[in-house]
Amino acid sequence: MGIIKEFKSFAMRGNVVDMATGIIIGASFGRIVTSLVNDVLMPPLGLALGRVDFKQLKIVIQKAQEAVMDGTTVVKPAIDQVTLNYGMFIQTIIDFVIVAFCIFLIIKAMNRMMTSKEAAPTTPPPPSEEVTLLRDIRDALKK
């Protein structure tokens, strides 16, 4: 029973819950950015570059071959096509750059908010009613 309580204490600490929340939001943010790149940015970019679909850019290393059959016997098995998909790599790099830039902007905005909070002058709260009464008593006794 001790290990279960220890695990529950670990899992419910603020840092772990915050980290899990960040991971979930980050994954969703990644999907949004991927959609932005795939569905909004890449089509016009591909069109501007002469109707290029980056996902289709590849170098064929080995062409596919169909199986050679003699009746029901396989004489030569089929060979799959082997390719270097550099278009997908380019798209992934663009995804990364956009995600990194968005995170940079978010962190920059958060840092600006944190420094503005620290720089803001804080006025002390007004004294409580009891403190004011005690000051009045003190001042009356001095007279």
N, C-alpha and C. Protein backbone atom coordinates (compact mmCIF):
# COMPACT_ATOMS: atom_id res chain seq x y z
N MET A 1 0.81 -1.20 0.00
CA MET A 1 0.00 0.00 0.00
C MET A 1 0.85 1.26 0.00
N GLY A 2 2.06 1.22 0.55
CA GLY A 2 2.91 2.38 0.64
C GLY A 2 3.31 2.90 -0.73
N ILE A 3 3.60 2.00 -1.66
CA ILE A 3 4.03 2.42 -3.00
C ILE A 3 2.89 3.09 -3.76
N ILE A 4 1.65 2.64 -3.53
CA ILE A 4 0.50 3.25 -4.19
C ILE A 4 0.30 4.67 -3.69
N LYS A 5 0.42 4.88 -2.37
CA LYS A 5 0.29 6.22 -1.82
C LYS A 5 1.41 7.12 -2.33
N GLU A 6 2.63 6.56 -2.40
CA GLU A 6 3.77 7.34 -2.90
C GLU A 6 3.56 7.73 -4.37
N PHE A 7 3.06 6.78 -5.17
CA PHE A 7 2.79 7.08 -6.58
C PHE A 7 1.70 8.14 -6.70
N LYS A 8 0.64 8.02 -5.91
CA LYS A 8 -0.44 9.00 -5.95
C LYS A 8 0.08 10.38 -5.57
N SER A 9 0.93 10.45 -4.56
CA SER A 9 1.52 11.72 -4.15
C SER A 9 2.38 12.30 -5.28
N PHE A 10 3.14 11.44 -5.96
CA PHE A 10 3.98 11.89 -7.07
C PHE A 10 3.13 12.38 -8.23
N ALA A 11 2.11 11.61 -8.59
CA ALA A 11 1.29 11.93 -9.76
C ALA A 11 0.44 13.17 -9.54
N MET A 12 0.10 13.47 -8.31
CA MET A 12 -0.78 14.60 -8.05
C MET A 12 -0.02 15.87 -7.68
N ARG A 13 1.32 15.83 -7.68
CA ARG A 13 2.08 17.05 -7.43
C ARG A 13 1.81 18.03 -8.55
N GLY A 14 1.89 19.28 -8.22
CA GLY A 14 1.59 20.33 -9.20
C GLY A 14 2.45 20.25 -10.44
N ASN A 15 3.75 19.95 -10.29
CA ASN A 15 4.63 19.94 -11.45
C ASN A 15 4.24 18.87 -12.45
N VAL A 16 3.86 17.71 -12.00
CA VAL A 16 3.50 16.62 -12.90
C VAL A 16 2.21 16.94 -13.63
N VAL A 17 1.24 17.48 -12.92
CA VAL A 17 -0.03 17.85 -13.55
C VAL A 17 0.19 18.98 -14.55
N ASP A 18 1.01 19.96 -14.18
CA ASP A 18 1.31 21.06 -15.11
C ASP A 18 2.02 20.54 -16.35
N MET A 19 2.96 19.62 -16.16
CA MET A 19 3.70 19.06 -17.29
C MET A 19 2.76 18.29 -18.21
N ALA A 20 1.88 17.49 -17.64
CA ALA A 20 0.92 16.73 -18.46
C ALA A 20 0.00 17.67 -19.23
N THR A 21 -0.44 18.72 -18.58
CA THR A 21 -1.29 19.71 -19.26
C THR A 21 -0.53 20.35 -20.41
N GLY A 22 0.72 20.70 -20.18
CA GLY A 22 1.55 21.30 -21.23
C GLY A 22 1.76 20.37 -22.40
N ILE A 23 1.96 19.09 -22.12
CA ILE A 23 2.16 18.11 -23.19
C ILE A 23 0.89 17.98 -24.03
N ILE A 24 -0.24 17.90 -23.38
CA ILE A 24 -1.52 17.77 -24.11
C ILE A 24 -1.78 19.01 -24.96
N ILE A 25 -1.60 20.18 -24.38
CA ILE A 25 -1.81 21.41 -25.14
C ILE A 25 -0.78 21.53 -26.26
N GLY A 26 0.46 21.14 -25.98
CA GLY A 26 1.50 21.18 -27.01
C GLY A 26 1.19 20.27 -28.18
N ALA A 27 0.67 19.07 -27.90
CA ALA A 27 0.31 18.15 -28.98
C ALA A 27 -0.82 18.74 -29.83
N SER A 28 -1.79 19.35 -29.19
CA SER A 28 -2.88 19.98 -29.93
C SER A 28 -2.36 21.17 -30.74
N PHE A 29 -1.48 21.94 -30.16
CA PHE A 29 -0.88 23.07 -30.85
C PHE A 29 -0.09 22.57 -32.06
N GLY A 30 0.61 21.46 -31.91
CA GLY A 30 1.36 20.88 -33.02
C GLY A 30 0.45 20.50 -34.18
N ARG A 31 -0.71 19.94 -33.86
CA ARG A 31 -1.66 19.57 -34.92
C ARG A 31 -2.20 20.82 -35.62
N ILE A 32 -2.43 21.88 -34.86
CA ILE A 32 -2.91 23.13 -35.46
C ILE A 32 -1.85 23.69 -36.41
N VAL A 33 -0.59 23.68 -35.98
CA VAL A 33 0.47 24.21 -36.83
C VAL A 33 0.67 23.33 -38.05
N THR A 34 0.58 22.02 -37.88
CA THR A 34 0.71 21.12 -39.03
C THR A 34 -0.40 21.39 -40.04
N SER A 35 -1.61 21.60 -39.56
CA SER A 35 -2.71 21.93 -40.47
C SER A 35 -2.46 23.28 -41.14
N LEU A 36 -1.95 24.25 -40.39
CA LEU A 36 -1.63 25.55 -40.97
C LEU A 36 -0.62 25.39 -42.11
N VAL A 37 0.41 24.60 -41.87
CA VAL A 37 1.45 24.40 -42.89
C VAL A 37 0.88 23.63 -44.08
N ASN A 38 0.25 22.48 -43.81
CA ASN A 38 -0.22 21.60 -44.89
C ASN A 38 -1.37 22.20 -45.69
N ASP A 39 -2.30 22.84 -45.00
CA ASP A 39 -3.54 23.25 -45.65
C ASP A 39 -3.58 24.73 -46.06
N VAL A 40 -2.74 25.57 -45.45
CA VAL A 40 -2.80 27.00 -45.73
C VAL A 40 -1.53 27.50 -46.42
N LEU A 41 -0.37 27.15 -45.87
CA LEU A 41 0.87 27.71 -46.40
C LEU A 41 1.44 26.95 -47.60
N MET A 42 1.44 25.63 -47.55
CA MET A 42 2.10 24.86 -48.60
C MET A 42 1.38 24.91 -49.95
N PRO A 43 0.06 24.88 -50.03
CA PRO A 43 -0.57 24.95 -51.36
C PRO A 43 -0.19 26.21 -52.16
N PRO A 44 -0.26 27.42 -51.57
CA PRO A 44 0.17 28.58 -52.37
C PRO A 44 1.67 28.56 -52.67
N LEU A 45 2.47 28.07 -51.72
CA LEU A 45 3.92 27.99 -51.97
C LEU A 45 4.22 27.01 -53.10
N GLY A 46 3.53 25.87 -53.09
CA GLY A 46 3.70 24.90 -54.17
C GLY A 46 3.24 25.47 -55.51
N LEU A 47 2.15 26.22 -55.48
CA LEU A 47 1.64 26.85 -56.70
C LEU A 47 2.64 27.88 -57.22
N ALA A 48 3.21 28.66 -56.31
CA ALA A 48 4.19 29.68 -56.70
C ALA A 48 5.45 29.04 -57.28
N LEU A 49 5.77 27.83 -56.84
CA LEU A 49 6.95 27.13 -57.35
C LEU A 49 6.63 26.23 -58.53
N GLY A 50 5.51 26.45 -59.17
CA GLY A 50 5.18 25.67 -60.37
C GLY A 50 4.37 24.43 -60.09
N ARG A 51 3.35 24.56 -59.24
CA ARG A 51 2.43 23.47 -58.90
C ARG A 51 3.17 22.26 -58.29
N VAL A 52 4.08 22.55 -57.37
CA VAL A 52 4.83 21.50 -56.70
C VAL A 52 4.10 21.11 -55.43
N ASP A 53 3.87 19.80 -55.25
CA ASP A 53 3.33 19.28 -53.99
C ASP A 53 4.52 18.70 -53.24
N PHE A 54 4.93 19.37 -52.16
CA PHE A 54 6.13 18.96 -51.45
C PHE A 54 6.06 17.52 -50.95
N LYS A 55 4.87 17.06 -50.61
CA LYS A 55 4.73 15.70 -50.11
C LYS A 55 5.10 14.66 -51.17
N GLN A 56 4.99 15.02 -52.42
CA GLN A 56 5.26 14.08 -53.51
C GLN A 56 6.72 14.11 -53.97
N LEU A 57 7.52 15.04 -53.48
CA LEU A 57 8.91 15.13 -53.91
C LEU A 57 9.71 13.98 -53.32
N LYS A 58 10.35 13.20 -54.18
CA LYS A 58 11.13 12.06 -53.71
C LYS A 58 12.12 11.64 -54.78
N ILE A 59 13.11 10.90 -54.35
CA ILE A 59 14.09 10.31 -55.25
C ILE A 59 13.89 8.80 -55.17
N VAL A 60 13.68 8.17 -56.33
CA VAL A 60 13.49 6.72 -56.36
C VAL A 60 14.86 6.06 -56.39
N ILE A 61 15.14 5.27 -55.37
CA ILE A 61 16.40 4.54 -55.30
C ILE A 61 16.27 3.20 -56.01
N GLN A 62 15.14 2.55 -55.77
CA GLN A 62 14.87 1.26 -56.42
C GLN A 62 13.42 1.24 -56.87
N LYS A 63 13.20 0.94 -58.14
CA LYS A 63 11.85 0.88 -58.68
C LYS A 63 11.15 -0.39 -58.20
N ALA A 64 9.85 -0.29 -58.10
CA ALA A 64 9.06 -1.44 -57.70
C ALA A 64 9.00 -2.44 -58.86
N GLN A 65 8.95 -3.72 -58.53
CA GLN A 65 8.82 -4.77 -59.54
C GLN A 65 7.71 -5.70 -59.10
N GLU A 66 6.91 -6.08 -60.08
CA GLU A 66 5.83 -7.01 -59.78
C GLU A 66 6.39 -8.43 -59.66
N ALA A 67 5.66 -9.26 -58.98
CA ALA A 67 6.08 -10.65 -58.83
C ALA A 67 5.95 -11.37 -60.17
N VAL A 68 6.88 -12.28 -60.42
CA VAL A 68 6.82 -13.12 -61.62
C VAL A 68 6.26 -14.46 -61.18
N MET A 69 5.17 -14.87 -61.84
CA MET A 69 4.47 -16.09 -61.45
C MET A 69 4.55 -17.12 -62.59
N ASP A 70 4.62 -18.35 -62.21
CA ASP A 70 4.50 -19.46 -63.16
C ASP A 70 3.34 -20.30 -62.65
N GLY A 71 2.16 -19.95 -63.11
CA GLY A 71 0.95 -20.60 -62.60
C GLY A 71 0.66 -20.06 -61.22
N THR A 72 0.73 -20.93 -60.23
CA THR A 72 0.51 -20.51 -58.85
C THR A 72 1.82 -20.40 -58.08
N THR A 73 2.92 -20.68 -58.74
CA THR A 73 4.23 -20.63 -58.09
C THR A 73 4.88 -19.27 -58.33
N VAL A 74 5.45 -18.71 -57.28
CA VAL A 74 6.14 -17.43 -57.39
C VAL A 74 7.58 -17.71 -57.82
N VAL A 75 7.92 -17.23 -59.03
CA VAL A 75 9.27 -17.42 -59.54
C VAL A 75 10.18 -16.32 -58.99
N LYS A 76 9.67 -15.09 -59.00
CA LYS A 76 10.44 -13.95 -58.48
C LYS A 76 9.47 -13.10 -57.65
N PRO A 77 9.76 -12.89 -56.36
CA PRO A 77 8.82 -12.13 -55.52
C PRO A 77 8.78 -10.65 -55.91
N ALA A 78 7.68 -9.99 -55.53
CA ALA A 78 7.52 -8.56 -55.79
C ALA A 78 8.51 -7.78 -54.94
N ILE A 79 8.95 -6.65 -55.50
CA ILE A 79 9.88 -5.77 -54.78
C ILE A 79 9.20 -4.41 -54.66
N ASP A 80 9.15 -3.90 -53.43
CA ASP A 80 8.56 -2.58 -53.19
C ASP A 80 9.51 -1.49 -53.64
N GLN A 81 8.92 -0.34 -53.97
CA GLN A 81 9.71 0.81 -54.37
C GLN A 81 10.42 1.39 -53.14
N VAL A 82 11.68 1.76 -53.29
CA VAL A 82 12.45 2.37 -52.21
C VAL A 82 12.72 3.81 -52.63
N THR A 83 12.32 4.77 -51.76
CA THR A 83 12.46 6.18 -52.10
C THR A 83 13.04 6.99 -50.95
N LEU A 84 13.65 8.11 -51.30
CA LEU A 84 14.03 9.12 -50.32
C LEU A 84 12.99 10.24 -50.43
N ASN A 85 12.18 10.40 -49.42
CA ASN A 85 11.07 11.36 -49.44
C ASN A 85 11.55 12.71 -48.91
N TYR A 86 12.34 13.42 -49.69
CA TYR A 86 12.88 14.69 -49.23
C TYR A 86 11.81 15.78 -49.16
N GLY A 87 10.72 15.64 -49.88
CA GLY A 87 9.63 16.61 -49.79
C GLY A 87 8.98 16.60 -48.41
N MET A 88 8.78 15.42 -47.86
CA MET A 88 8.22 15.31 -46.51
C MET A 88 9.19 15.92 -45.49
N PHE A 89 10.49 15.74 -45.74
CA PHE A 89 11.51 16.31 -44.86
C PHE A 89 11.44 17.83 -44.89
N ILE A 90 11.31 18.41 -46.09
CA ILE A 90 11.19 19.86 -46.22
C ILE A 90 9.95 20.35 -45.48
N GLN A 91 8.85 19.64 -45.63
CA GLN A 91 7.60 20.02 -44.96
C GLN A 91 7.77 19.95 -43.44
N THR A 92 8.46 18.93 -42.95
CA THR A 92 8.68 18.79 -41.51
C THR A 92 9.55 19.93 -40.98
N ILE A 93 10.54 20.34 -41.76
CA ILE A 93 11.39 21.46 -41.35
C ILE A 93 10.55 22.74 -41.27
N ILE A 94 9.69 22.95 -42.24
CA ILE A 94 8.82 24.14 -42.22
C ILE A 94 7.90 24.09 -41.01
N ASP A 95 7.34 22.92 -40.70
CA ASP A 95 6.51 22.75 -39.50
C ASP A 95 7.30 23.18 -38.25
N PHE A 96 8.53 22.66 -38.15
CA PHE A 96 9.36 22.94 -36.98
C PHE A 96 9.63 24.44 -36.85
N VAL A 97 10.00 25.08 -37.94
CA VAL A 97 10.32 26.51 -37.89
C VAL A 97 9.10 27.31 -37.44
N ILE A 98 7.92 26.96 -37.94
CA ILE A 98 6.72 27.69 -37.55
C ILE A 98 6.39 27.44 -36.07
N VAL A 99 6.49 26.19 -35.61
CA VAL A 99 6.23 25.89 -34.20
C VAL A 99 7.23 26.62 -33.32
N ALA A 100 8.51 26.58 -33.68
CA ALA A 100 9.54 27.24 -32.88
C ALA A 100 9.29 28.75 -32.82
N PHE A 101 8.89 29.35 -33.94
CA PHE A 101 8.62 30.78 -33.97
C PHE A 101 7.41 31.13 -33.11
N CYS A 102 6.36 30.32 -33.19
CA CYS A 102 5.16 30.56 -32.36
C CYS A 102 5.50 30.45 -30.88
N ILE A 103 6.28 29.45 -30.51
CA ILE A 103 6.66 29.29 -29.10
C ILE A 103 7.52 30.47 -28.67
N PHE A 104 8.42 30.93 -29.55
CA PHE A 104 9.24 32.10 -29.25
C PHE A 104 8.35 33.31 -28.96
N LEU A 105 7.34 33.53 -29.80
CA LEU A 105 6.43 34.67 -29.60
C LEU A 105 5.66 34.55 -28.29
N ILE A 106 5.21 33.33 -27.97
CA ILE A 106 4.45 33.12 -26.72
C ILE A 106 5.34 33.40 -25.51
N ILE A 107 6.56 32.87 -25.53
CA ILE A 107 7.48 33.07 -24.39
C ILE A 107 7.85 34.54 -24.28
N LYS A 108 8.07 35.20 -25.42
CA LYS A 108 8.40 36.63 -25.40
C LYS A 108 7.25 37.43 -24.77
N ALA A 109 6.02 37.11 -25.14
CA ALA A 109 4.86 37.80 -24.57
C ALA A 109 4.74 37.53 -23.07
N MET A 110 4.98 36.28 -22.67
CA MET A 110 4.91 35.94 -21.24
C MET A 110 5.98 36.68 -20.46
N ASN A 111 7.20 36.74 -21.01
CA ASN A 111 8.27 37.46 -20.33
C ASN A 111 7.95 38.94 -20.20
N ARG A 112 7.35 39.52 -21.24
CA ARG A 112 6.97 40.93 -21.20
C ARG A 112 5.92 41.15 -20.11
N MET A 113 4.95 40.23 -20.00
CA MET A 113 3.92 40.37 -18.97
C MET A 113 4.53 40.24 -17.58
N MET A 114 5.47 39.31 -17.42
CA MET A 114 6.10 39.11 -16.11
C MET A 114 6.92 40.32 -15.70
N THR A 115 7.67 40.92 -16.64
CA THR A 115 8.48 42.09 -16.29
C THR A 115 7.60 43.30 -16.02
N SER A 116 6.47 43.42 -16.72
CA SER A 116 5.58 44.55 -16.46
C SER A 116 4.91 44.41 -15.10
N LYS A 117 4.64 43.19 -14.68
CA LYS A 117 4.06 42.98 -13.35
C LYS A 117 5.08 43.33 -12.27
N GLU A 118 6.35 42.93 -12.51
CA GLU A 118 7.39 43.21 -11.52
C GLU A 118 7.70 44.70 -11.45
N ALA A 119 7.64 45.40 -12.58
CA ALA A 119 7.99 46.81 -12.63
C ALA A 119 6.86 47.70 -12.13
N ALA A 120 5.66 47.20 -12.10
CA ALA A 120 4.53 48.01 -11.67
C ALA A 120 4.68 48.37 -10.19
N PRO A 121 4.56 49.68 -9.88
CA PRO A 121 4.70 50.06 -8.47
C PRO A 121 3.51 49.53 -7.67
N THR A 122 3.83 49.00 -6.53
CA THR A 122 2.76 48.48 -5.68
C THR A 122 2.56 49.45 -4.52
N THR A 123 1.35 49.84 -4.33
CA THR A 123 1.03 50.72 -3.20
C THR A 123 0.58 49.83 -2.05
N PRO A 124 1.06 50.14 -0.87
CA PRO A 124 0.65 49.30 0.26
C PRO A 124 -0.84 49.46 0.53
N PRO A 125 -1.46 48.43 1.01
CA PRO A 125 -2.90 48.55 1.31
C PRO A 125 -3.12 49.55 2.43
N PRO A 126 -4.27 50.17 2.47
CA PRO A 126 -4.54 51.14 3.55
C PRO A 126 -4.56 50.41 4.89
N PRO A 127 -4.18 51.11 5.95
CA PRO A 127 -4.17 50.45 7.26
C PRO A 127 -5.57 50.04 7.69
N SER A 128 -5.59 48.98 8.46
CA SER A 128 -6.89 48.47 8.91
C SER A 128 -7.52 49.44 9.90
N GLU A 129 -8.76 49.22 10.21
CA GLU A 129 -9.49 50.09 11.12
C GLU A 129 -8.87 50.07 12.51
N GLU A 130 -8.39 48.90 12.93
CA GLU A 130 -7.78 48.78 14.26
C GLU A 130 -6.49 49.58 14.34
N VAL A 131 -5.66 49.50 13.26
CA VAL A 131 -4.40 50.23 13.25
C VAL A 131 -4.68 51.74 13.30
N THR A 132 -5.65 52.19 12.54
CA THR A 132 -6.00 53.61 12.54
C THR A 132 -6.47 54.04 13.93
N LEU A 133 -7.27 53.23 14.58
CA LEU A 133 -7.76 53.55 15.93
C LEU A 133 -6.61 53.60 16.92
N LEU A 134 -5.67 52.63 16.82
CA LEU A 134 -4.53 52.62 17.74
C LEU A 134 -3.64 53.85 17.52
N ARG A 135 -3.48 54.27 16.26
CA ARG A 135 -2.69 55.47 15.98
C ARG A 135 -3.36 56.71 16.59
N ASP A 136 -4.67 56.80 16.48
CA ASP A 136 -5.39 57.93 17.06
C ASP A 136 -5.23 57.95 18.59
N ILE A 137 -5.29 56.79 19.20
CA ILE A 137 -5.11 56.70 20.67
C ILE A 137 -3.71 57.13 21.03
N ARG A 138 -2.72 56.65 20.28
CA ARG A 138 -1.32 57.01 20.55
C ARG A 138 -1.12 58.52 20.43
N ASP A 139 -1.66 59.10 19.36
CA ASP A 139 -1.50 60.52 19.16
C ASP A 139 -2.21 61.34 20.26
N ALA A 140 -3.37 60.84 20.73
CA ALA A 140 -4.08 61.54 21.81
C ALA A 140 -3.31 61.46 23.11
N LEU A 141 -2.65 60.32 23.36
CA LEU A 141 -1.87 60.18 24.60
C LEU A 141 -0.64 61.07 24.56
N LYS A 142 -0.07 61.29 23.38
CA LYS A 142 1.11 62.16 23.26
C LYS A 142 0.75 63.60 23.60
N LYS A 143 -0.45 64.03 23.28
CA LYS A 143 -0.88 65.40 23.54
C LYS A 143 -1.17 65.54 25.01
